[in-house]
Amino acid sequence: MIRDPHPWASSLETLHAQAWTCLVRGVHDRHAPARHPVLATVTTSGRPRARTVVLRHADRLAGSLDIHTDIHSAKVTELRATPQAALQVWDSAGHLQLRLEAEVSILTGSDVEGIWARVPQRSRVSYGSQPPPGEPISDALDYVKSPDLACFAVLRLRVDAMDLVHLGPHHRRARFERQDQWRGQWLAP
């Protein structure tokens, strides 16, 4: 019998818990796999778009994740038109892929003042550049970054489903949905 180095992958309950452990660790550990997940949205013309983001908050009880962004970024425009997104994490040490489906709310203004107060000064320059993110410029450094609370947004992802794949000695896959209280269902990997 092959010994599985990841016993948490053997039950639905512990697999789901491990996924949230991975996400929470990504918030606090800059070297954790979930620190820089891939966020996928749909453009206003219906094309997929993915980018690496930084995970800033994970709340298992609420089933939510936060990502900070500039209000003028393309992902905000895309999420205003289609407020659903997918988030993907690959944890190579755990041989675990997390694919999450989420409904996204865009928080700004007074809703994010408390969060903005905790953003380090050196990080605030990411929110408030001229011209706005993604606009054409004539030279690689032809932009100015100036921190601006009015440009700061929090993308709050309300996780609706998790598709988890563990690629251990025995491959396992399960899907968990909010609508069934995260009970989970094994799937063929």
N, C-alpha and C. Protein backbone atom coordinates (compact mmCIF):
# COMPACT_ATOMS: atom_id res chain seq x y z
N MET A 1 0.84 -1.19 0.00
CA MET A 1 0.00 0.00 0.00
C MET A 1 0.88 1.25 0.00
N ILE A 2 0.53 2.20 -0.82
CA ILE A 2 1.27 3.46 -0.92
C ILE A 2 0.83 4.40 0.19
N ARG A 3 1.78 4.92 0.93
CA ARG A 3 1.49 5.87 2.01
C ARG A 3 1.34 7.26 1.41
N ASP A 4 0.23 7.90 1.69
CA ASP A 4 -0.05 9.24 1.18
C ASP A 4 0.59 10.27 2.10
N PRO A 5 1.49 11.11 1.58
CA PRO A 5 2.14 12.11 2.43
C PRO A 5 1.20 13.24 2.84
N HIS A 6 0.00 13.25 2.28
CA HIS A 6 -0.98 14.30 2.59
C HIS A 6 -2.29 13.65 3.07
N PRO A 7 -2.32 13.18 4.31
CA PRO A 7 -3.52 12.48 4.79
C PRO A 7 -4.77 13.36 4.78
N TRP A 8 -4.60 14.67 4.79
CA TRP A 8 -5.76 15.58 4.75
C TRP A 8 -6.55 15.43 3.45
N ALA A 9 -5.96 14.82 2.42
CA ALA A 9 -6.67 14.67 1.15
C ALA A 9 -7.62 13.47 1.14
N SER A 10 -7.64 12.70 2.21
CA SER A 10 -8.42 11.45 2.21
C SER A 10 -9.88 11.61 2.59
N SER A 11 -10.28 12.75 3.15
CA SER A 11 -11.69 12.96 3.47
C SER A 11 -12.14 14.32 2.95
N LEU A 12 -13.42 14.42 2.66
CA LEU A 12 -13.96 15.69 2.16
C LEU A 12 -13.75 16.81 3.17
N GLU A 13 -14.01 16.52 4.43
CA GLU A 13 -13.90 17.54 5.48
C GLU A 13 -12.47 18.07 5.61
N THR A 14 -11.49 17.18 5.65
CA THR A 14 -10.11 17.63 5.83
C THR A 14 -9.53 18.25 4.55
N LEU A 15 -10.00 17.80 3.39
CA LEU A 15 -9.56 18.42 2.14
C LEU A 15 -10.05 19.86 2.06
N HIS A 16 -11.30 20.08 2.40
CA HIS A 16 -11.87 21.43 2.40
C HIS A 16 -11.13 22.32 3.41
N ALA A 17 -10.88 21.79 4.58
CA ALA A 17 -10.15 22.54 5.61
C ALA A 17 -8.75 22.91 5.12
N GLN A 18 -8.08 21.98 4.43
CA GLN A 18 -6.73 22.25 3.92
C GLN A 18 -6.75 23.37 2.90
N ALA A 19 -7.77 23.40 2.06
CA ALA A 19 -7.88 24.48 1.06
C ALA A 19 -7.96 25.83 1.76
N TRP A 20 -8.77 25.94 2.81
CA TRP A 20 -8.87 27.20 3.53
C TRP A 20 -7.59 27.52 4.30
N THR A 21 -6.92 26.51 4.82
CA THR A 21 -5.63 26.73 5.48
C THR A 21 -4.65 27.34 4.48
N CYS A 22 -4.64 26.80 3.27
CA CYS A 22 -3.77 27.31 2.21
C CYS A 22 -4.10 28.77 1.90
N LEU A 23 -5.38 29.10 1.79
CA LEU A 23 -5.79 30.48 1.47
C LEU A 23 -5.43 31.45 2.60
N VAL A 24 -5.72 31.07 3.83
CA VAL A 24 -5.41 31.94 4.97
C VAL A 24 -3.90 32.15 5.07
N ARG A 25 -3.12 31.10 4.86
CA ARG A 25 -1.66 31.22 4.89
C ARG A 25 -1.18 32.21 3.83
N GLY A 26 -1.84 32.22 2.67
CA GLY A 26 -1.46 33.14 1.60
C GLY A 26 -1.58 34.60 1.98
N VAL A 27 -2.47 34.91 2.89
CA VAL A 27 -2.64 36.29 3.34
C VAL A 27 -1.46 36.73 4.21
N HIS A 28 -0.97 35.81 5.03
CA HIS A 28 0.03 36.17 6.04
C HIS A 28 1.47 35.81 5.70
N ASP A 29 1.65 34.93 4.72
CA ASP A 29 2.99 34.45 4.37
C ASP A 29 3.28 34.79 2.92
N ARG A 30 4.20 35.72 2.69
CA ARG A 30 4.48 36.16 1.32
C ARG A 30 5.12 35.09 0.45
N HIS A 31 5.52 33.96 1.04
CA HIS A 31 6.10 32.87 0.26
C HIS A 31 5.10 31.72 0.04
N ALA A 32 3.92 31.85 0.58
CA ALA A 32 2.90 30.80 0.44
C ALA A 32 2.32 30.80 -0.97
N PRO A 33 1.95 29.63 -1.49
CA PRO A 33 1.41 29.54 -2.85
C PRO A 33 0.17 30.42 -3.07
N ALA A 34 -0.68 30.55 -2.07
CA ALA A 34 -1.91 31.32 -2.25
C ALA A 34 -1.69 32.83 -2.13
N ARG A 35 -0.48 33.24 -1.87
CA ARG A 35 -0.21 34.69 -1.78
C ARG A 35 -0.48 35.37 -3.13
N HIS A 36 -0.12 34.69 -4.22
CA HIS A 36 -0.27 35.26 -5.56
C HIS A 36 -1.11 34.34 -6.44
N PRO A 37 -2.43 34.31 -6.21
CA PRO A 37 -3.29 33.48 -7.05
C PRO A 37 -3.53 34.13 -8.41
N VAL A 38 -4.11 33.38 -9.31
CA VAL A 38 -4.50 33.90 -10.62
C VAL A 38 -6.00 34.18 -10.57
N LEU A 39 -6.37 35.41 -10.92
CA LEU A 39 -7.77 35.84 -10.97
C LEU A 39 -8.19 35.92 -12.43
N ALA A 40 -9.29 35.26 -12.76
CA ALA A 40 -9.81 35.28 -14.12
C ALA A 40 -11.17 35.98 -14.15
N THR A 41 -11.32 36.84 -15.13
CA THR A 41 -12.57 37.57 -15.34
C THR A 41 -12.95 37.42 -16.81
N VAL A 42 -14.06 38.04 -17.18
CA VAL A 42 -14.50 38.05 -18.56
C VAL A 42 -14.53 39.51 -19.02
N THR A 43 -13.89 39.79 -20.17
CA THR A 43 -13.88 41.17 -20.68
C THR A 43 -15.27 41.56 -21.13
N THR A 44 -15.47 42.84 -21.35
CA THR A 44 -16.78 43.32 -21.80
C THR A 44 -17.12 42.80 -23.19
N SER A 45 -16.12 42.30 -23.94
CA SER A 45 -16.39 41.69 -25.24
C SER A 45 -16.51 40.17 -25.15
N GLY A 46 -16.53 39.63 -23.91
CA GLY A 46 -16.75 38.21 -23.71
C GLY A 46 -15.53 37.32 -23.74
N ARG A 47 -14.33 37.92 -23.75
CA ARG A 47 -13.10 37.12 -23.80
C ARG A 47 -12.58 36.90 -22.38
N PRO A 48 -11.95 35.74 -22.13
CA PRO A 48 -11.38 35.50 -20.80
C PRO A 48 -10.12 36.33 -20.60
N ARG A 49 -9.89 36.73 -19.35
CA ARG A 49 -8.67 37.47 -19.02
C ARG A 49 -8.22 37.02 -17.63
N ALA A 50 -6.94 36.67 -17.51
CA ALA A 50 -6.40 36.21 -16.23
C ALA A 50 -5.18 37.04 -15.87
N ARG A 51 -5.00 37.24 -14.57
CA ARG A 51 -3.82 37.96 -14.09
C ARG A 51 -3.51 37.51 -12.67
N THR A 52 -2.23 37.67 -12.31
CA THR A 52 -1.80 37.34 -10.96
C THR A 52 -2.15 38.52 -10.06
N VAL A 53 -2.70 38.22 -8.88
CA VAL A 53 -3.08 39.25 -7.91
C VAL A 53 -2.45 38.88 -6.57
N VAL A 54 -2.66 39.72 -5.58
CA VAL A 54 -2.18 39.44 -4.23
C VAL A 54 -3.40 39.24 -3.33
N LEU A 55 -3.43 38.10 -2.64
CA LEU A 55 -4.52 37.82 -1.73
C LEU A 55 -4.30 38.62 -0.45
N ARG A 56 -5.29 39.42 -0.05
CA ARG A 56 -5.13 40.31 1.11
C ARG A 56 -5.94 39.91 2.32
N HIS A 57 -6.99 39.11 2.14
CA HIS A 57 -7.81 38.68 3.28
C HIS A 57 -8.53 37.39 2.90
N ALA A 58 -8.64 36.48 3.85
CA ALA A 58 -9.37 35.23 3.65
C ALA A 58 -10.17 34.94 4.91
N ASP A 59 -11.46 34.73 4.76
CA ASP A 59 -12.35 34.49 5.89
C ASP A 59 -13.13 33.21 5.61
N ARG A 60 -12.72 32.11 6.23
CA ARG A 60 -13.37 30.82 5.98
C ARG A 60 -14.83 30.86 6.42
N LEU A 61 -15.10 31.43 7.58
CA LEU A 61 -16.46 31.45 8.10
C LEU A 61 -17.42 32.16 7.13
N ALA A 62 -16.99 33.29 6.58
CA ALA A 62 -17.81 34.03 5.62
C ALA A 62 -17.68 33.46 4.21
N GLY A 63 -16.65 32.66 3.99
CA GLY A 63 -16.40 32.13 2.65
C GLY A 63 -16.04 33.24 1.68
N SER A 64 -15.18 34.16 2.15
CA SER A 64 -14.83 35.31 1.31
C SER A 64 -13.33 35.56 1.27
N LEU A 65 -12.92 36.22 0.19
CA LEU A 65 -11.52 36.59 -0.05
C LEU A 65 -11.49 38.04 -0.51
N ASP A 66 -10.43 38.77 -0.16
CA ASP A 66 -10.26 40.16 -0.60
C ASP A 66 -9.00 40.31 -1.42
N ILE A 67 -9.12 41.12 -2.46
CA ILE A 67 -8.01 41.51 -3.32
C ILE A 67 -8.08 43.01 -3.47
N HIS A 68 -6.96 43.69 -3.35
CA HIS A 68 -6.91 45.15 -3.53
C HIS A 68 -6.57 45.47 -4.98
N THR A 69 -7.13 46.57 -5.48
CA THR A 69 -6.85 46.98 -6.85
C THR A 69 -7.07 48.47 -7.02
N ASP A 70 -6.61 48.98 -8.15
CA ASP A 70 -6.88 50.37 -8.53
C ASP A 70 -8.26 50.40 -9.19
N ILE A 71 -9.08 51.33 -8.82
CA ILE A 71 -10.44 51.45 -9.33
C ILE A 71 -10.47 51.59 -10.86
N HIS A 72 -9.37 52.07 -11.44
CA HIS A 72 -9.31 52.30 -12.88
C HIS A 72 -8.77 51.10 -13.66
N SER A 73 -8.51 49.99 -12.98
CA SER A 73 -7.97 48.82 -13.67
C SER A 73 -9.06 48.14 -14.51
N ALA A 74 -8.63 47.43 -15.54
CA ALA A 74 -9.57 46.75 -16.44
C ALA A 74 -10.42 45.73 -15.69
N LYS A 75 -9.85 45.08 -14.67
CA LYS A 75 -10.63 44.06 -13.96
C LYS A 75 -11.85 44.66 -13.28
N VAL A 76 -11.76 45.91 -12.84
CA VAL A 76 -12.92 46.56 -12.22
C VAL A 76 -14.02 46.78 -13.26
N THR A 77 -13.64 47.28 -14.42
CA THR A 77 -14.61 47.46 -15.51
C THR A 77 -15.26 46.12 -15.87
N GLU A 78 -14.44 45.08 -15.97
CA GLU A 78 -14.95 43.75 -16.32
C GLU A 78 -15.90 43.22 -15.25
N LEU A 79 -15.54 43.41 -13.98
CA LEU A 79 -16.36 42.90 -12.89
C LEU A 79 -17.64 43.71 -12.71
N ARG A 80 -17.62 44.97 -13.10
CA ARG A 80 -18.87 45.74 -13.07
C ARG A 80 -19.87 45.19 -14.09
N ALA A 81 -19.36 44.76 -15.23
CA ALA A 81 -20.22 44.20 -16.28
C ALA A 81 -20.64 42.76 -15.97
N THR A 82 -19.71 41.97 -15.46
CA THR A 82 -19.95 40.56 -15.13
C THR A 82 -19.31 40.30 -13.77
N PRO A 83 -20.08 40.36 -12.70
CA PRO A 83 -19.50 40.28 -11.35
C PRO A 83 -19.17 38.87 -10.87
N GLN A 84 -18.71 38.02 -11.77
CA GLN A 84 -18.24 36.69 -11.39
C GLN A 84 -16.78 36.56 -11.80
N ALA A 85 -16.06 35.78 -11.00
CA ALA A 85 -14.64 35.56 -11.30
C ALA A 85 -14.26 34.16 -10.86
N ALA A 86 -13.12 33.72 -11.35
CA ALA A 86 -12.51 32.46 -10.91
C ALA A 86 -11.14 32.80 -10.34
N LEU A 87 -10.75 32.05 -9.33
CA LEU A 87 -9.44 32.24 -8.71
C LEU A 87 -8.77 30.88 -8.68
N GLN A 88 -7.49 30.83 -9.07
CA GLN A 88 -6.77 29.56 -9.14
C GLN A 88 -5.47 29.65 -8.36
N VAL A 89 -5.19 28.61 -7.58
CA VAL A 89 -3.96 28.51 -6.79
C VAL A 89 -3.37 27.13 -7.04
N TRP A 90 -2.06 27.06 -7.21
CA TRP A 90 -1.36 25.77 -7.28
C TRP A 90 -0.38 25.71 -6.12
N ASP A 91 -0.59 24.78 -5.23
CA ASP A 91 0.29 24.54 -4.09
C ASP A 91 1.16 23.33 -4.43
N SER A 92 2.38 23.58 -4.91
CA SER A 92 3.24 22.49 -5.37
C SER A 92 3.66 21.57 -4.22
N ALA A 93 3.90 22.11 -3.04
CA ALA A 93 4.31 21.26 -1.92
C ALA A 93 3.18 20.32 -1.50
N GLY A 94 1.95 20.81 -1.54
CA GLY A 94 0.80 19.99 -1.17
C GLY A 94 0.20 19.23 -2.33
N HIS A 95 0.74 19.46 -3.54
CA HIS A 95 0.20 18.81 -4.75
C HIS A 95 -1.30 19.09 -4.87
N LEU A 96 -1.67 20.33 -4.56
CA LEU A 96 -3.08 20.70 -4.49
C LEU A 96 -3.39 21.88 -5.40
N GLN A 97 -4.38 21.69 -6.26
CA GLN A 97 -4.89 22.78 -7.09
C GLN A 97 -6.24 23.21 -6.54
N LEU A 98 -6.38 24.53 -6.34
CA LEU A 98 -7.64 25.11 -5.90
C LEU A 98 -8.20 25.94 -7.04
N ARG A 99 -9.42 25.66 -7.43
CA ARG A 99 -10.13 26.48 -8.41
C ARG A 99 -11.41 26.95 -7.74
N LEU A 100 -11.54 28.25 -7.62
CA LEU A 100 -12.68 28.82 -6.92
C LEU A 100 -13.55 29.63 -7.87
N GLU A 101 -14.85 29.56 -7.68
CA GLU A 101 -15.80 30.38 -8.42
C GLU A 101 -16.41 31.35 -7.42
N ALA A 102 -16.52 32.62 -7.81
CA ALA A 102 -16.98 33.62 -6.84
C ALA A 102 -17.82 34.71 -7.48
N GLU A 103 -18.69 35.25 -6.67
CA GLU A 103 -19.44 36.47 -6.97
C GLU A 103 -18.60 37.60 -6.38
N VAL A 104 -18.40 38.68 -7.13
CA VAL A 104 -17.48 39.73 -6.69
C VAL A 104 -18.21 41.05 -6.46
N SER A 105 -17.96 41.64 -5.29
CA SER A 105 -18.43 42.99 -4.98
C SER A 105 -17.23 43.92 -5.02
N ILE A 106 -17.45 45.14 -5.49
CA ILE A 106 -16.38 46.14 -5.57
C ILE A 106 -16.65 47.18 -4.49
N LEU A 107 -15.77 47.23 -3.50
CA LEU A 107 -15.91 48.16 -2.39
C LEU A 107 -14.99 49.35 -2.61
N THR A 108 -15.52 50.56 -2.38
CA THR A 108 -14.74 51.79 -2.56
C THR A 108 -15.16 52.81 -1.50
N GLY A 109 -14.50 53.96 -1.53
CA GLY A 109 -14.88 55.10 -0.69
C GLY A 109 -14.89 54.79 0.79
N SER A 110 -15.97 55.19 1.47
CA SER A 110 -16.06 55.01 2.92
C SER A 110 -16.05 53.53 3.32
N ASP A 111 -16.44 52.64 2.40
CA ASP A 111 -16.43 51.21 2.70
C ASP A 111 -15.02 50.64 2.85
N VAL A 112 -14.01 51.36 2.35
CA VAL A 112 -12.63 50.83 2.40
C VAL A 112 -11.68 51.72 3.19
N GLU A 113 -12.19 52.77 3.81
CA GLU A 113 -11.30 53.68 4.56
C GLU A 113 -10.51 52.94 5.64
N GLY A 114 -11.15 52.04 6.39
CA GLY A 114 -10.46 51.29 7.44
C GLY A 114 -9.40 50.37 6.87
N ILE A 115 -9.67 49.78 5.73
CA ILE A 115 -8.69 48.90 5.08
C ILE A 115 -7.52 49.73 4.58
N TRP A 116 -7.82 50.86 3.93
CA TRP A 116 -6.79 51.77 3.42
C TRP A 116 -5.85 52.21 4.54
N ALA A 117 -6.39 52.45 5.72
CA ALA A 117 -5.58 52.89 6.86
C ALA A 117 -4.53 51.84 7.24
N ARG A 118 -4.79 50.58 6.91
CA ARG A 118 -3.84 49.50 7.24
C ARG A 118 -2.90 49.15 6.08
N VAL A 119 -3.11 49.75 4.92
CA VAL A 119 -2.22 49.50 3.77
C VAL A 119 -0.91 50.26 4.02
N PRO A 120 0.23 49.57 3.99
CA PRO A 120 1.51 50.26 4.23
C PRO A 120 1.74 51.39 3.22
N GLN A 121 2.38 52.44 3.67
CA GLN A 121 2.66 53.61 2.81
C GLN A 121 3.33 53.19 1.50
N ARG A 122 4.31 52.29 1.57
CA ARG A 122 5.04 51.88 0.37
C ARG A 122 4.15 51.16 -0.63
N SER A 123 3.05 50.57 -0.15
CA SER A 123 2.13 49.85 -1.03
C SER A 123 1.04 50.74 -1.61
N ARG A 124 0.78 51.85 -0.99
CA ARG A 124 -0.30 52.74 -1.44
C ARG A 124 -0.07 53.31 -2.83
N VAL A 125 1.18 53.38 -3.26
CA VAL A 125 1.46 53.94 -4.60
C VAL A 125 0.85 53.10 -5.71
N SER A 126 0.43 51.88 -5.40
CA SER A 126 -0.19 51.03 -6.41
C SER A 126 -1.61 51.48 -6.76
N TYR A 127 -2.13 52.41 -6.00
CA TYR A 127 -3.51 52.87 -6.18
C TYR A 127 -3.52 54.37 -6.42
N GLY A 128 -3.45 54.72 -7.68
CA GLY A 128 -3.48 56.13 -8.05
C GLY A 128 -2.37 56.50 -9.00
N SER A 129 -2.32 55.90 -10.17
CA SER A 129 -1.28 56.27 -11.13
C SER A 129 -1.89 57.06 -12.28
N GLN A 130 -1.06 57.90 -12.86
CA GLN A 130 -1.47 58.70 -14.02
C GLN A 130 -0.48 58.45 -15.14
N PRO A 131 -0.92 58.04 -16.28
CA PRO A 131 -2.30 57.71 -16.61
C PRO A 131 -2.74 56.44 -15.89
N PRO A 132 -4.04 56.14 -15.93
CA PRO A 132 -4.56 54.94 -15.25
C PRO A 132 -3.94 53.65 -15.79
N PRO A 133 -3.99 52.57 -15.00
CA PRO A 133 -3.42 51.29 -15.41
C PRO A 133 -3.95 50.83 -16.77
N GLY A 134 -3.04 50.35 -17.60
CA GLY A 134 -3.41 49.81 -18.90
C GLY A 134 -3.51 50.81 -20.03
N GLU A 135 -3.37 52.09 -19.73
CA GLU A 135 -3.43 53.12 -20.77
C GLU A 135 -2.10 53.16 -21.52
N PRO A 136 -2.12 53.41 -22.82
CA PRO A 136 -0.87 53.52 -23.58
C PRO A 136 -0.01 54.69 -23.09
N ILE A 137 1.30 54.45 -23.06
CA ILE A 137 2.27 55.51 -22.73
C ILE A 137 3.39 55.47 -23.76
N SER A 138 4.08 56.61 -23.93
CA SER A 138 5.09 56.70 -24.97
C SER A 138 6.44 56.12 -24.57
N ASP A 139 6.68 55.97 -23.26
CA ASP A 139 7.94 55.43 -22.77
C ASP A 139 7.62 54.53 -21.58
N ALA A 140 8.46 53.55 -21.32
CA ALA A 140 8.21 52.57 -20.25
C ALA A 140 7.97 53.20 -18.88
N LEU A 141 8.61 54.35 -18.63
CA LEU A 141 8.48 55.00 -17.31
C LEU A 141 7.71 56.32 -17.39
N ASP A 142 6.87 56.46 -18.38
CA ASP A 142 6.12 57.70 -18.59
C ASP A 142 4.80 57.67 -17.81
N TYR A 143 4.91 57.54 -16.50
CA TYR A 143 3.74 57.54 -15.62
C TYR A 143 4.17 58.10 -14.26
N VAL A 144 3.19 58.50 -13.47
CA VAL A 144 3.43 59.01 -12.12
C VAL A 144 2.53 58.23 -11.17
N LYS A 145 3.09 57.78 -10.07
CA LYS A 145 2.31 57.08 -9.06
C LYS A 145 2.14 57.98 -7.85
N SER A 146 0.89 58.18 -7.47
CA SER A 146 0.58 59.02 -6.33
C SER A 146 -0.57 58.38 -5.55
N PRO A 147 -0.32 57.95 -4.30
CA PRO A 147 -1.36 57.28 -3.53
C PRO A 147 -2.64 58.12 -3.45
N ASP A 148 -3.78 57.46 -3.67
CA ASP A 148 -5.05 58.17 -3.67
C ASP A 148 -6.15 57.22 -3.21
N LEU A 149 -6.73 57.47 -2.05
CA LEU A 149 -7.81 56.64 -1.53
C LEU A 149 -8.96 56.54 -2.54
N ALA A 150 -9.20 57.58 -3.31
CA ALA A 150 -10.28 57.56 -4.30
C ALA A 150 -10.03 56.53 -5.40
N CYS A 151 -8.79 56.09 -5.55
CA CYS A 151 -8.44 55.08 -6.57
C CYS A 151 -8.36 53.68 -6.00
N PHE A 152 -8.52 53.55 -4.70
CA PHE A 152 -8.37 52.27 -4.01
C PHE A 152 -9.69 51.51 -3.99
N ALA A 153 -9.66 50.25 -4.38
CA ALA A 153 -10.85 49.40 -4.33
C ALA A 153 -10.49 48.04 -3.76
N VAL A 154 -11.46 47.44 -3.11
CA VAL A 154 -11.31 46.08 -2.62
C VAL A 154 -12.29 45.21 -3.39
N LEU A 155 -11.76 44.17 -3.98
CA LEU A 155 -12.61 43.17 -4.64
C LEU A 155 -12.91 42.12 -3.59
N ARG A 156 -14.16 42.02 -3.20
CA ARG A 156 -14.57 41.02 -2.20
C ARG A 156 -15.20 39.85 -2.94
N LEU A 157 -14.51 38.73 -2.90
CA LEU A 157 -14.98 37.53 -3.57
C LEU A 157 -15.79 36.68 -2.59
N ARG A 158 -17.04 36.49 -2.90
CA ARG A 158 -17.90 35.59 -2.12
C ARG A 158 -17.80 34.24 -2.81
N VAL A 159 -17.03 33.36 -2.22
CA VAL A 159 -16.77 32.06 -2.85
C VAL A 159 -18.06 31.24 -2.87
N ASP A 160 -18.45 30.81 -4.07
CA ASP A 160 -19.65 30.00 -4.23
C ASP A 160 -19.33 28.53 -4.44
N ALA A 161 -18.15 28.24 -4.99
CA ALA A 161 -17.77 26.85 -5.24
C ALA A 161 -16.26 26.71 -5.23
N MET A 162 -15.81 25.54 -4.82
CA MET A 162 -14.38 25.19 -4.82
C MET A 162 -14.23 23.84 -5.51
N ASP A 163 -13.36 23.77 -6.48
CA ASP A 163 -13.02 22.51 -7.15
C ASP A 163 -11.57 22.24 -6.77
N LEU A 164 -11.34 21.19 -6.00
CA LEU A 164 -10.02 20.89 -5.45
C LEU A 164 -9.49 19.60 -6.04
N VAL A 165 -8.26 19.63 -6.52
CA VAL A 165 -7.62 18.45 -7.09
C VAL A 165 -6.31 18.21 -6.35
N HIS A 166 -6.19 17.01 -5.76
CA HIS A 166 -4.96 16.62 -5.09
C HIS A 166 -4.27 15.57 -5.96
N LEU A 167 -3.04 15.87 -6.35
CA LEU A 167 -2.28 14.97 -7.22
C LEU A 167 -1.23 14.21 -6.43
N GLY A 168 -1.69 13.46 -5.44
CA GLY A 168 -0.82 12.62 -4.62
C GLY A 168 -0.68 11.25 -5.25
N PRO A 169 -0.22 10.25 -4.47
CA PRO A 169 -0.10 8.89 -5.00
C PRO A 169 -1.42 8.39 -5.60
N HIS A 170 -2.52 8.80 -5.00
CA HIS A 170 -3.86 8.52 -5.53
C HIS A 170 -4.49 9.88 -5.81
N HIS A 171 -4.77 10.17 -7.05
CA HIS A 171 -5.37 11.46 -7.39
C HIS A 171 -6.79 11.52 -6.84
N ARG A 172 -7.12 12.69 -6.30
CA ARG A 172 -8.45 12.90 -5.75
C ARG A 172 -8.96 14.26 -6.20
N ARG A 173 -10.27 14.32 -6.41
CA ARG A 173 -10.88 15.59 -6.80
C ARG A 173 -12.24 15.69 -6.10
N ALA A 174 -12.55 16.90 -5.63
CA ALA A 174 -13.83 17.12 -4.98
C ALA A 174 -14.33 18.53 -5.29
N ARG A 175 -15.64 18.66 -5.27
CA ARG A 175 -16.27 19.97 -5.47
C ARG A 175 -17.09 20.28 -4.23
N PHE A 176 -16.95 21.52 -3.78
CA PHE A 176 -17.67 22.01 -2.61
C PHE A 176 -18.46 23.23 -3.03
N GLU A 177 -19.73 23.33 -2.60
CA GLU A 177 -20.57 24.46 -2.97
C GLU A 177 -21.20 25.08 -1.73
N ARG A 178 -21.25 26.40 -1.74
CA ARG A 178 -21.88 27.15 -0.65
C ARG A 178 -23.32 26.70 -0.47
N GLN A 179 -24.03 26.52 -1.59
CA GLN A 179 -25.46 26.21 -1.53
C GLN A 179 -25.76 24.90 -0.80
N ASP A 180 -24.79 24.01 -0.68
CA ASP A 180 -25.04 22.78 0.09
C ASP A 180 -24.20 22.75 1.38
N GLN A 181 -23.91 23.96 1.90
CA GLN A 181 -23.17 24.12 3.15
C GLN A 181 -21.80 23.46 3.11
N TRP A 182 -21.16 23.46 1.93
CA TRP A 182 -19.80 22.99 1.74
C TRP A 182 -19.62 21.50 2.06
N ARG A 183 -20.69 20.70 1.95
CA ARG A 183 -20.58 19.26 2.26
C ARG A 183 -19.57 18.56 1.36
N GLY A 184 -19.54 18.90 0.11
CA GLY A 184 -18.57 18.32 -0.81
C GLY A 184 -19.06 17.07 -1.50
N GLN A 185 -18.48 16.83 -2.68
CA GLN A 185 -18.79 15.66 -3.49
C GLN A 185 -17.51 15.23 -4.19
N TRP A 186 -17.15 13.97 -4.07
CA TRP A 186 -16.00 13.46 -4.78
C TRP A 186 -16.31 13.45 -6.27
N LEU A 187 -15.32 13.76 -7.09
CA LEU A 187 -15.43 13.72 -8.53
C LEU A 187 -14.28 12.90 -9.10
N ALA A 188 -14.47 12.35 -10.26
CA ALA A 188 -13.36 11.67 -10.92
C ALA A 188 -12.29 12.70 -11.23
N PRO A 189 -11.02 12.40 -10.90
CA PRO A 189 -9.96 13.40 -11.15
C PRO A 189 -9.63 13.55 -12.63
